[in-house]
């Protein structure tokens, strides 16, 4: 199975979106996709009829795509900020290990 890093995904999205002016339209797409995640969850939980058009996995992938694209065109290094934010949250909520520690001790 092919794997990739967040940094590689950001490099890839930079080939598609390369102007900060895209931020607003990408944000609108992100919001739309979050709504589609809600629909997929409602279908999975039986609150809405499943039309077979989309799955939770598909919609989550779309959310990640647009979030990464927004970060990329605004020069945000997601790998760095995710590690930093996780360290702060781990201290705040007294959780262990934090992501940095987990990755350092991971055998993957």
C-alpha atoms as a PDB file:
ATOM      1  CA  UNK A   1       0.000   0.000   0.000  1.00  0.00           C
ATOM      2  CA  UNK A   2       1.293   3.440  -0.896  1.00  0.00           C
ATOM      3  CA  UNK A   3       1.676   5.844   2.020  1.00  0.00           C
ATOM      4  CA  UNK A   4       2.523   9.528   2.215  1.00  0.00           C
ATOM      5  CA  UNK A   5       3.269  12.235   4.731  1.00  0.00           C
ATOM      6  CA  UNK A   6       1.320  15.391   5.375  1.00  0.00           C
ATOM      7  CA  UNK A   7       4.277  17.308   3.963  1.00  0.00           C
ATOM      8  CA  UNK A   8       4.013  15.340   0.695  1.00  0.00           C
ATOM      9  CA  UNK A   9       0.275  15.981   0.558  1.00  0.00           C
ATOM     10  CA  UNK A  10       0.918  19.678   1.017  1.00  0.00           C
ATOM     11  CA  UNK A  11       3.490  19.636  -1.767  1.00  0.00           C
ATOM     12  CA  UNK A  12       0.964  17.915  -4.032  1.00  0.00           C
ATOM     13  CA  UNK A  13      -1.846  20.354  -3.216  1.00  0.00           C
ATOM     14  CA  UNK A  14       0.537  23.237  -3.968  1.00  0.00           C
ATOM     15  CA  UNK A  15       0.549  22.021  -7.597  1.00  0.00           C
ATOM     16  CA  UNK A  16      -3.239  22.467  -7.728  1.00  0.00           C
ATOM     17  CA  UNK A  17      -3.742  25.559  -5.574  1.00  0.00           C
ATOM     18  CA  UNK A  18      -1.022  28.168  -5.514  1.00  0.00           C
ATOM     19  CA  UNK A  19      -2.667  31.493  -4.741  1.00  0.00           C
ATOM     20  CA  UNK A  20      -3.885  32.846  -1.403  1.00  0.00           C
ATOM     21  CA  UNK A  21      -6.901  34.208  -3.277  1.00  0.00           C
ATOM     22  CA  UNK A  22      -8.213  30.616  -3.394  1.00  0.00           C
ATOM     23  CA  UNK A  23      -8.612  30.593   0.411  1.00  0.00           C
ATOM     24  CA  UNK A  24     -12.239  31.785   0.443  1.00  0.00           C
ATOM     25  CA  UNK A  25     -13.450  29.398  -2.251  1.00  0.00           C
ATOM     26  CA  UNK A  26     -11.565  26.497  -0.663  1.00  0.00           C
ATOM     27  CA  UNK A  27     -13.110  27.358   2.695  1.00  0.00           C
ATOM     28  CA  UNK A  28     -16.583  27.291   1.151  1.00  0.00           C
ATOM     29  CA  UNK A  29     -15.819  23.834  -0.290  1.00  0.00           C
ATOM     30  CA  UNK A  30     -14.533  22.717   3.120  1.00  0.00           C
ATOM     31  CA  UNK A  31     -17.765  23.821   4.813  1.00  0.00           C
ATOM     32  CA  UNK A  32     -19.795  22.029   2.124  1.00  0.00           C
ATOM     33  CA  UNK A  33     -17.812  18.845   2.677  1.00  0.00           C
ATOM     34  CA  UNK A  34     -18.257  19.060   6.465  1.00  0.00           C
ATOM     35  CA  UNK A  35     -22.000  19.127   5.800  1.00  0.00           C
ATOM     36  CA  UNK A  36     -21.615  16.016   3.665  1.00  0.00           C
ATOM     37  CA  UNK A  37     -19.749  14.326   6.536  1.00  0.00           C
ATOM     38  CA  UNK A  38     -22.769  15.087   8.745  1.00  0.00           C
ATOM     39  CA  UNK A  39     -25.063  13.541   6.125  1.00  0.00           C
ATOM     40  CA  UNK A  40     -22.902  10.419   5.917  1.00  0.00           C
ATOM     41  CA  UNK A  41     -22.928  10.053   9.708  1.00  0.00           C
ATOM     42  CA  UNK A  42     -26.720  10.445   9.719  1.00  0.00           C
ATOM     43  CA  UNK A  43     -26.948   7.704   7.073  1.00  0.00           C
ATOM     44  CA  UNK A  44     -24.632   5.425   9.053  1.00  0.00           C
ATOM     45  CA  UNK A  45     -26.716   5.975  12.189  1.00  0.00           C
ATOM     46  CA  UNK A  46     -29.992   5.331  10.346  1.00  0.00           C
ATOM     47  CA  UNK A  47     -31.366   8.854  10.758  1.00  0.00           C
ATOM     48  CA  UNK A  48     -31.309   9.425   7.013  1.00  0.00           C
ATOM     49  CA  UNK A  49     -31.960   7.136   4.058  1.00  0.00           C
ATOM     50  CA  UNK A  50     -28.759   5.891   2.426  1.00  0.00           C
ATOM     51  CA  UNK A  51     -28.783   6.897  -1.247  1.00  0.00           C
ATOM     52  CA  UNK A  52     -25.463   5.150  -1.901  1.00  0.00           C
ATOM     53  CA  UNK A  53     -23.919   8.295  -3.384  1.00  0.00           C
ATOM     54  CA  UNK A  54     -21.181   8.928  -0.850  1.00  0.00           C
ATOM     55  CA  UNK A  55     -19.537   7.349   2.147  1.00  0.00           C
ATOM     56  CA  UNK A  56     -18.156   8.731   5.367  1.00  0.00           C
ATOM     57  CA  UNK A  57     -14.651   7.793   4.200  1.00  0.00           C
ATOM     58  CA  UNK A  58     -15.081   9.714   0.924  1.00  0.00           C
ATOM     59  CA  UNK A  59     -16.389  12.808   2.674  1.00  0.00           C
ATOM     60  CA  UNK A  60     -13.655  12.788   5.321  1.00  0.00           C
ATOM     61  CA  UNK A  61     -11.053  12.539   2.561  1.00  0.00           C
ATOM     62  CA  UNK A  62     -12.608  15.627   0.941  1.00  0.00           C
ATOM     63  CA  UNK A  63     -12.505  17.539   4.255  1.00  0.00           C
ATOM     64  CA  UNK A  64      -8.834  16.688   4.675  1.00  0.00           C
ATOM     65  CA  UNK A  65      -8.083  17.676   1.070  1.00  0.00           C
ATOM     66  CA  UNK A  66      -9.587  21.149   1.429  1.00  0.00           C
ATOM     67  CA  UNK A  67      -8.142  21.747   4.908  1.00  0.00           C
ATOM     68  CA  UNK A  68      -4.671  20.811   3.657  1.00  0.00           C
ATOM     69  CA  UNK A  69      -5.095  23.014   0.578  1.00  0.00           C
ATOM     70  CA  UNK A  70      -6.053  26.013   2.727  1.00  0.00           C
ATOM     71  CA  UNK A  71      -3.028  25.452   4.964  1.00  0.00           C
ATOM     72  CA  UNK A  72      -0.729  25.018   1.986  1.00  0.00           C
ATOM     73  CA  UNK A  73      -1.617  28.219   0.160  1.00  0.00           C
ATOM     74  CA  UNK A  74      -1.312  30.123   3.437  1.00  0.00           C
ATOM     75  CA  UNK A  75       2.208  28.758   4.044  1.00  0.00           C
ATOM     76  CA  UNK A  76       1.257  26.729   7.117  1.00  0.00           C
ATOM     77  CA  UNK A  77       3.441  23.704   7.805  1.00  0.00           C
ATOM     78  CA  UNK A  78       0.797  21.300   9.071  1.00  0.00           C
ATOM     79  CA  UNK A  79       3.247  18.697  10.357  1.00  0.00           C
ATOM     80  CA  UNK A  80       4.964  21.299  12.540  1.00  0.00           C
ATOM     81  CA  UNK A  81       1.771  22.934  13.821  1.00  0.00           C
ATOM     82  CA  UNK A  82       0.040  19.608  14.541  1.00  0.00           C
ATOM     83  CA  UNK A  83       3.006  18.495  16.673  1.00  0.00           C
ATOM     84  CA  UNK A  84       3.101  21.838  18.506  1.00  0.00           C
ATOM     85  CA  UNK A  85      -0.660  21.981  19.121  1.00  0.00           C
ATOM     86  CA  UNK A  86      -0.691  18.377  20.330  1.00  0.00           C
ATOM     87  CA  UNK A  87       2.061  19.081  22.860  1.00  0.00           C
ATOM     88  CA  UNK A  88       0.059  21.999  24.266  1.00  0.00           C
ATOM     89  CA  UNK A  89      -3.172  19.956  24.380  1.00  0.00           C
ATOM     90  CA  UNK A  90      -1.406  16.974  25.982  1.00  0.00           C
ATOM     91  CA  UNK A  91      -0.156  19.199  28.795  1.00  0.00           C
ATOM     92  CA  UNK A  92      -3.490  20.977  29.168  1.00  0.00           C
ATOM     93  CA  UNK A  93      -5.492  17.736  29.374  1.00  0.00           C
ATOM     94  CA  UNK A  94      -2.771  15.710  31.124  1.00  0.00           C
ATOM     95  CA  UNK A  95      -2.573  13.133  28.346  1.00  0.00           C
ATOM     96  CA  UNK A  96       0.355  10.886  27.639  1.00  0.00           C
ATOM     97  CA  UNK A  97       2.027  10.190  25.364  1.00  0.00           C
ATOM     98  CA  UNK A  98       1.884  13.281  23.219  1.00  0.00           C
ATOM     99  CA  UNK A  99       2.202  12.868  19.458  1.00  0.00           C
ATOM    100  CA  UNK A 100       5.923  13.640  19.432  1.00  0.00           C
ATOM    101  CA  UNK A 101       6.570  10.949  22.067  1.00  0.00           C
ATOM    102  CA  UNK A 102       4.286   8.500  20.296  1.00  0.00           C
ATOM    103  CA  UNK A 103       6.106   8.963  16.984  1.00  0.00           C
ATOM    104  CA  UNK A 104       9.520   8.724  18.639  1.00  0.00           C
ATOM    105  CA  UNK A 105       8.575   5.365  20.191  1.00  0.00           C
ATOM    106  CA  UNK A 106       6.558   4.004  17.261  1.00  0.00           C
ATOM    107  CA  UNK A 107       7.792   1.006  15.330  1.00  0.00           C
ATOM    108  CA  UNK A 108       5.812   1.922  12.192  1.00  0.00           C
END
